[in-house]
Structures are given as structure tokens and as C-alpha cells.
Amino acid sequence: MPQQKLENKSNRHKKLIGTIEKCLLLYKEKNVDVVSIEQIRGWINDNYRNGISKRRLSVFLYRRPQFKLQKKCRWKNSNTFETWWSLGDLEKEPEIDKHPHWIDVPLTDEDE
């Protein structure tokens, strides 16, 4: 019985993970290697009936090894964060076009 429980837990969110991967692959086809969490969330909300919250999406992105955090920024004078993600590791440093009010936050070992 415990083995069956483990299998169910690993397959539990397979569809949602596949949806996030599909989003990142579609952006990659357009030669966009790094996508912000808001772009991913917007794509999922536009293309799927149920949508997803930013908090729930970030949990999946941080916990799955196929998604790699590329950059993290904080809006000046606020507690609002934005993260940029890729599907797998990139060979070179990505060019991320961000608003001048975003301040880079150094990535820690915990983030990566």
C-alpha cells in the first residue's frame, strides 16, 4: 500500500507540470529562452480554463528540477518580486529585458 501512495504522489501534478513545460517550449520556439513568472502565469490563464495563482506556480517552478531560475529582482521600494525561468540550463548568460525600477537580487544556493 505505501508504494501505491508514492506513485500517486509523483503523478499527482503531472498535467500541470506538462502545461508549464509546454508554455516554456512554445516560448523557446519563438527564440525566447527565459520567461518571467508573470508571462508563464498569463499564458496558462489565457489557454486553460482553471488558470493558476502566482504563488502556486512558483511552488512548482522552485520544486521541479527541469525548471531553472535565471534571475530574481525586487521592485524598488517595495516587497514585490519577479523571477525569470528557463526549461533546463542555458549555455550562456541570458539577456533579460526588465524595467529600470527592478533591482537585482543575488541568487543563493537555496534559490538554485
N, C-alpha and C. Protein backbone atom coordinates (compact mmCIF):
# COMPACT_ATOMS: atom_id res chain seq x y z
N MET A 1 0.81 -1.21 0.00
CA MET A 1 0.00 0.00 0.00
C MET A 1 0.85 1.27 0.00
N PRO A 2 1.94 1.38 0.78
CA PRO A 2 2.74 2.60 0.76
C PRO A 2 3.35 2.87 -0.62
N GLN A 3 3.70 1.82 -1.37
CA GLN A 3 4.27 2.00 -2.71
C GLN A 3 3.27 2.70 -3.63
N GLN A 4 2.01 2.29 -3.54
CA GLN A 4 0.97 2.89 -4.37
C GLN A 4 0.79 4.37 -4.01
N LYS A 5 0.90 4.71 -2.76
CA LYS A 5 0.77 6.09 -2.31
C LYS A 5 1.89 6.96 -2.91
N LEU A 6 3.13 6.42 -2.94
CA LEU A 6 4.25 7.15 -3.52
C LEU A 6 4.04 7.38 -5.01
N GLU A 7 3.54 6.38 -5.73
CA GLU A 7 3.30 6.53 -7.16
C GLU A 7 2.25 7.60 -7.42
N ASN A 8 1.18 7.60 -6.64
CA ASN A 8 0.13 8.60 -6.81
C ASN A 8 0.66 10.00 -6.56
N LYS A 9 1.53 10.14 -5.56
CA LYS A 9 2.07 11.45 -5.22
C LYS A 9 2.96 11.98 -6.35
N SER A 10 3.76 11.11 -6.99
CA SER A 10 4.65 11.57 -8.05
C SER A 10 3.87 11.91 -9.33
N ASN A 11 2.73 11.27 -9.54
CA ASN A 11 1.92 11.54 -10.72
C ASN A 11 0.84 12.58 -10.47
N ARG A 12 0.79 13.07 -9.27
CA ARG A 12 -0.30 13.93 -8.83
C ARG A 12 -0.49 15.18 -9.68
N HIS A 13 0.59 15.85 -10.01
CA HIS A 13 0.51 17.12 -10.72
C HIS A 13 1.13 17.03 -12.11
N LYS A 14 1.12 15.85 -12.68
CA LYS A 14 1.76 15.61 -13.97
C LYS A 14 1.18 16.53 -15.07
N LYS A 15 -0.12 16.70 -15.08
CA LYS A 15 -0.77 17.51 -16.11
C LYS A 15 -0.35 18.98 -16.00
N LEU A 16 -0.30 19.50 -14.80
CA LEU A 16 0.08 20.89 -14.61
C LEU A 16 1.56 21.12 -14.96
N ILE A 17 2.41 20.19 -14.57
CA ILE A 17 3.83 20.29 -14.93
C ILE A 17 3.99 20.27 -16.44
N GLY A 18 3.24 19.40 -17.11
CA GLY A 18 3.26 19.34 -18.57
C GLY A 18 2.81 20.65 -19.20
N THR A 19 1.83 21.30 -18.61
CA THR A 19 1.35 22.59 -19.10
C THR A 19 2.43 23.66 -18.98
N ILE A 20 3.13 23.68 -17.87
CA ILE A 20 4.22 24.66 -17.68
C ILE A 20 5.33 24.39 -18.68
N GLU A 21 5.68 23.12 -18.88
CA GLU A 21 6.71 22.76 -19.86
C GLU A 21 6.28 23.18 -21.27
N LYS A 22 5.01 22.96 -21.60
CA LYS A 22 4.50 23.34 -22.92
C LYS A 22 4.64 24.84 -23.14
N CYS A 23 4.31 25.62 -22.12
CA CYS A 23 4.44 27.07 -22.20
C CYS A 23 5.89 27.47 -22.49
N LEU A 24 6.82 26.91 -21.73
CA LEU A 24 8.23 27.26 -21.92
C LEU A 24 8.75 26.79 -23.28
N LEU A 25 8.27 25.64 -23.77
CA LEU A 25 8.68 25.16 -25.08
C LEU A 25 8.15 26.06 -26.20
N LEU A 26 6.92 26.55 -26.06
CA LEU A 26 6.37 27.45 -27.07
C LEU A 26 7.14 28.77 -27.12
N TYR A 27 7.53 29.29 -25.96
CA TYR A 27 8.37 30.49 -25.94
C TYR A 27 9.73 30.21 -26.56
N LYS A 28 10.28 29.01 -26.30
CA LYS A 28 11.59 28.64 -26.84
C LYS A 28 11.55 28.58 -28.37
N GLU A 29 10.41 28.13 -28.93
CA GLU A 29 10.25 28.10 -30.39
C GLU A 29 10.29 29.50 -30.98
N LYS A 30 9.91 30.49 -30.18
CA LYS A 30 9.95 31.89 -30.61
C LYS A 30 11.29 32.54 -30.27
N ASN A 31 12.29 31.72 -29.94
CA ASN A 31 13.64 32.17 -29.57
C ASN A 31 13.67 32.99 -28.29
N VAL A 32 12.79 32.67 -27.35
CA VAL A 32 12.78 33.30 -26.03
C VAL A 32 13.14 32.20 -25.03
N ASP A 33 14.37 32.22 -24.53
CA ASP A 33 14.83 31.16 -23.63
C ASP A 33 14.41 31.38 -22.18
N VAL A 34 14.27 32.64 -21.77
CA VAL A 34 13.97 32.97 -20.39
C VAL A 34 12.64 33.71 -20.33
N VAL A 35 11.75 33.23 -19.46
CA VAL A 35 10.39 33.77 -19.38
C VAL A 35 10.10 34.15 -17.93
N SER A 36 9.44 35.27 -17.72
CA SER A 36 9.09 35.69 -16.36
C SER A 36 7.92 34.86 -15.85
N ILE A 37 7.81 34.80 -14.54
CA ILE A 37 6.72 34.03 -13.93
C ILE A 37 5.37 34.64 -14.31
N GLU A 38 5.30 35.95 -14.49
CA GLU A 38 4.05 36.59 -14.91
C GLU A 38 3.66 36.22 -16.33
N GLN A 39 4.66 36.06 -17.21
CA GLN A 39 4.37 35.62 -18.58
C GLN A 39 3.85 34.18 -18.59
N ILE A 40 4.45 33.32 -17.78
CA ILE A 40 4.00 31.93 -17.69
C ILE A 40 2.58 31.89 -17.14
N ARG A 41 2.35 32.62 -16.09
CA ARG A 41 1.01 32.66 -15.46
C ARG A 41 -0.03 33.20 -16.43
N GLY A 42 0.31 34.24 -17.14
CA GLY A 42 -0.61 34.82 -18.12
C GLY A 42 -0.94 33.84 -19.23
N TRP A 43 0.07 33.12 -19.71
CA TRP A 43 -0.16 32.13 -20.78
C TRP A 43 -1.09 31.02 -20.29
N ILE A 44 -0.84 30.51 -19.08
CA ILE A 44 -1.68 29.44 -18.53
C ILE A 44 -3.11 29.95 -18.32
N ASN A 45 -3.26 31.14 -17.78
CA ASN A 45 -4.59 31.70 -17.54
C ASN A 45 -5.35 31.95 -18.84
N ASP A 46 -4.64 32.30 -19.92
CA ASP A 46 -5.28 32.54 -21.21
C ASP A 46 -5.65 31.24 -21.93
N ASN A 47 -4.88 30.19 -21.72
CA ASN A 47 -5.05 28.98 -22.51
C ASN A 47 -5.73 27.82 -21.79
N TYR A 48 -5.95 27.95 -20.50
CA TYR A 48 -6.58 26.87 -19.75
C TYR A 48 -7.70 27.42 -18.89
N ARG A 49 -8.73 26.64 -18.74
CA ARG A 49 -9.95 27.07 -18.06
C ARG A 49 -9.71 27.45 -16.61
N ASN A 50 -8.97 26.63 -15.87
CA ASN A 50 -8.82 26.85 -14.43
C ASN A 50 -7.81 27.92 -14.07
N GLY A 51 -6.80 28.11 -14.87
CA GLY A 51 -5.77 29.09 -14.55
C GLY A 51 -4.93 28.64 -13.36
N ILE A 52 -4.09 29.55 -12.84
CA ILE A 52 -3.21 29.23 -11.72
C ILE A 52 -2.82 30.52 -11.03
N SER A 53 -2.61 30.45 -9.73
CA SER A 53 -2.15 31.63 -8.99
C SER A 53 -0.63 31.72 -9.08
N LYS A 54 -0.11 32.91 -8.87
CA LYS A 54 1.34 33.12 -8.93
C LYS A 54 2.05 32.32 -7.84
N ARG A 55 1.47 32.26 -6.67
CA ARG A 55 2.07 31.51 -5.56
C ARG A 55 2.17 30.02 -5.89
N ARG A 56 1.08 29.43 -6.39
CA ARG A 56 1.09 28.00 -6.70
C ARG A 56 2.08 27.70 -7.83
N LEU A 57 2.11 28.56 -8.84
CA LEU A 57 3.04 28.39 -9.94
C LEU A 57 4.48 28.44 -9.46
N SER A 58 4.79 29.37 -8.57
CA SER A 58 6.16 29.49 -8.08
C SER A 58 6.58 28.25 -7.30
N VAL A 59 5.65 27.63 -6.59
CA VAL A 59 5.97 26.40 -5.86
C VAL A 59 6.40 25.31 -6.84
N PHE A 60 5.67 25.16 -7.93
CA PHE A 60 6.03 24.15 -8.93
C PHE A 60 7.36 24.46 -9.60
N LEU A 61 7.60 25.73 -9.91
CA LEU A 61 8.85 26.10 -10.57
C LEU A 61 10.06 25.86 -9.67
N TYR A 62 9.94 26.21 -8.40
CA TYR A 62 11.07 26.03 -7.48
C TYR A 62 11.35 24.56 -7.16
N ARG A 63 10.31 23.74 -7.10
CA ARG A 63 10.49 22.36 -6.64
C ARG A 63 10.84 21.36 -7.73
N ARG A 64 10.65 21.69 -8.99
CA ARG A 64 10.91 20.74 -10.06
C ARG A 64 12.29 21.01 -10.67
N PRO A 65 13.09 19.96 -10.84
CA PRO A 65 14.47 20.16 -11.32
C PRO A 65 14.58 20.61 -12.77
N GLN A 66 13.57 20.39 -13.60
CA GLN A 66 13.66 20.78 -15.01
C GLN A 66 13.52 22.29 -15.21
N PHE A 67 13.00 23.00 -14.21
CA PHE A 67 12.85 24.45 -14.29
C PHE A 67 14.01 25.11 -13.56
N LYS A 68 14.72 26.00 -14.26
CA LYS A 68 15.89 26.66 -13.68
C LYS A 68 15.65 28.15 -13.52
N LEU A 69 15.89 28.63 -12.32
CA LEU A 69 15.78 30.05 -12.01
C LEU A 69 16.97 30.78 -12.62
N GLN A 70 16.71 31.80 -13.43
CA GLN A 70 17.77 32.54 -14.11
C GLN A 70 18.05 33.89 -13.46
N LYS A 71 17.00 34.55 -12.99
CA LYS A 71 17.18 35.87 -12.39
C LYS A 71 16.03 36.14 -11.43
N LYS A 72 16.34 36.91 -10.39
CA LYS A 72 15.33 37.31 -9.41
C LYS A 72 15.53 38.80 -9.14
N CYS A 73 14.43 39.56 -9.17
CA CYS A 73 14.50 41.01 -8.96
C CYS A 73 13.40 41.45 -8.01
N ARG A 74 13.64 42.61 -7.40
CA ARG A 74 12.67 43.23 -6.50
C ARG A 74 12.37 44.62 -7.03
N TRP A 75 11.09 44.99 -6.98
CA TRP A 75 10.69 46.33 -7.40
C TRP A 75 11.18 47.33 -6.38
N LYS A 76 11.76 48.43 -6.84
CA LYS A 76 12.33 49.46 -5.97
C LYS A 76 11.30 49.94 -4.95
N ASN A 77 11.71 50.01 -3.68
CA ASN A 77 10.88 50.48 -2.55
C ASN A 77 9.62 49.66 -2.32
N SER A 78 9.69 48.38 -2.62
CA SER A 78 8.53 47.52 -2.35
C SER A 78 9.00 46.11 -2.01
N ASN A 79 8.04 45.27 -1.74
CA ASN A 79 8.32 43.88 -1.43
C ASN A 79 7.82 42.98 -2.56
N THR A 80 7.72 43.49 -3.77
CA THR A 80 7.25 42.74 -4.93
C THR A 80 8.45 42.15 -5.67
N PHE A 81 8.40 40.83 -5.88
CA PHE A 81 9.49 40.14 -6.55
C PHE A 81 9.04 39.61 -7.90
N GLU A 82 9.98 39.50 -8.81
CA GLU A 82 9.74 38.89 -10.12
C GLU A 82 10.88 37.91 -10.37
N THR A 83 10.56 36.77 -10.93
CA THR A 83 11.58 35.78 -11.25
C THR A 83 11.49 35.44 -12.73
N TRP A 84 12.64 35.05 -13.30
CA TRP A 84 12.71 34.65 -14.70
C TRP A 84 13.21 33.21 -14.74
N TRP A 85 12.56 32.37 -15.56
CA TRP A 85 12.79 30.93 -15.58
C TRP A 85 13.11 30.42 -16.98
N SER A 86 13.80 29.28 -17.01
CA SER A 86 14.05 28.59 -18.27
C SER A 86 13.79 27.10 -18.07
N LEU A 87 13.62 26.42 -19.18
CA LEU A 87 13.46 24.97 -19.15
C LEU A 87 14.84 24.37 -19.33
N GLY A 88 15.44 23.92 -18.24
CA GLY A 88 16.80 23.38 -18.27
C GLY A 88 17.84 24.49 -18.19
N ASP A 89 19.11 24.06 -18.14
CA ASP A 89 20.22 25.00 -18.05
C ASP A 89 20.46 25.67 -19.40
N LEU A 90 20.98 26.88 -19.37
CA LEU A 90 21.33 27.61 -20.58
C LEU A 90 22.84 27.64 -20.72
N GLU A 91 23.32 27.65 -21.96
CA GLU A 91 24.76 27.65 -22.20
C GLU A 91 25.40 29.00 -21.91
N LYS A 92 24.67 30.09 -22.19
CA LYS A 92 25.22 31.42 -21.97
C LYS A 92 24.30 32.23 -21.08
N GLU A 93 24.83 33.30 -20.54
CA GLU A 93 24.06 34.21 -19.69
C GLU A 93 22.91 34.83 -20.49
N PRO A 94 21.68 34.71 -20.00
CA PRO A 94 20.55 35.23 -20.77
C PRO A 94 20.45 36.76 -20.71
N GLU A 95 19.97 37.34 -21.81
CA GLU A 95 19.68 38.76 -21.86
C GLU A 95 18.24 38.95 -21.41
N ILE A 96 18.04 39.61 -20.28
CA ILE A 96 16.69 39.81 -19.76
C ILE A 96 16.36 41.29 -19.81
N ASP A 97 15.30 41.61 -20.54
CA ASP A 97 14.86 42.99 -20.68
C ASP A 97 13.89 43.29 -19.55
N LYS A 98 14.32 44.12 -18.61
CA LYS A 98 13.47 44.44 -17.46
C LYS A 98 13.38 45.95 -17.28
N HIS A 99 12.36 46.36 -16.58
CA HIS A 99 12.13 47.77 -16.29
C HIS A 99 13.25 48.29 -15.40
N PRO A 100 13.65 49.55 -15.54
CA PRO A 100 14.74 50.10 -14.72
C PRO A 100 14.48 50.10 -13.21
N HIS A 101 13.22 50.01 -12.79
CA HIS A 101 12.92 50.02 -11.36
C HIS A 101 13.12 48.65 -10.70
N TRP A 102 13.40 47.62 -11.50
CA TRP A 102 13.69 46.31 -10.90
C TRP A 102 15.13 46.30 -10.42
N ILE A 103 15.35 45.84 -9.19
CA ILE A 103 16.69 45.74 -8.60
C ILE A 103 17.05 44.27 -8.51
N ASP A 104 18.22 43.90 -9.02
CA ASP A 104 18.66 42.50 -8.98
C ASP A 104 18.82 42.01 -7.55
N VAL A 105 18.38 40.80 -7.33
CA VAL A 105 18.55 40.12 -6.05
C VAL A 105 19.51 38.96 -6.29
N PRO A 106 20.62 38.91 -5.55
CA PRO A 106 21.57 37.81 -5.78
C PRO A 106 20.92 36.46 -5.49
N LEU A 107 21.19 35.49 -6.35
CA LEU A 107 20.67 34.14 -6.16
C LEU A 107 21.51 33.42 -5.11
N THR A 108 20.83 32.75 -4.20
CA THR A 108 21.52 31.96 -3.18
C THR A 108 21.48 30.50 -3.59
N ASP A 109 22.19 29.66 -2.86
CA ASP A 109 22.16 28.22 -3.13
C ASP A 109 20.75 27.66 -2.95
N GLU A 110 20.01 28.25 -2.06
CA GLU A 110 18.64 27.81 -1.80
C GLU A 110 17.75 28.09 -3.00
N ASP A 111 17.98 29.21 -3.70
CA ASP A 111 17.18 29.56 -4.87
C ASP A 111 17.46 28.65 -6.06
N GLU A 112 18.69 28.25 -6.22
CA GLU A 112 19.07 27.48 -7.42
C GLU A 112 18.75 26.06 -7.31
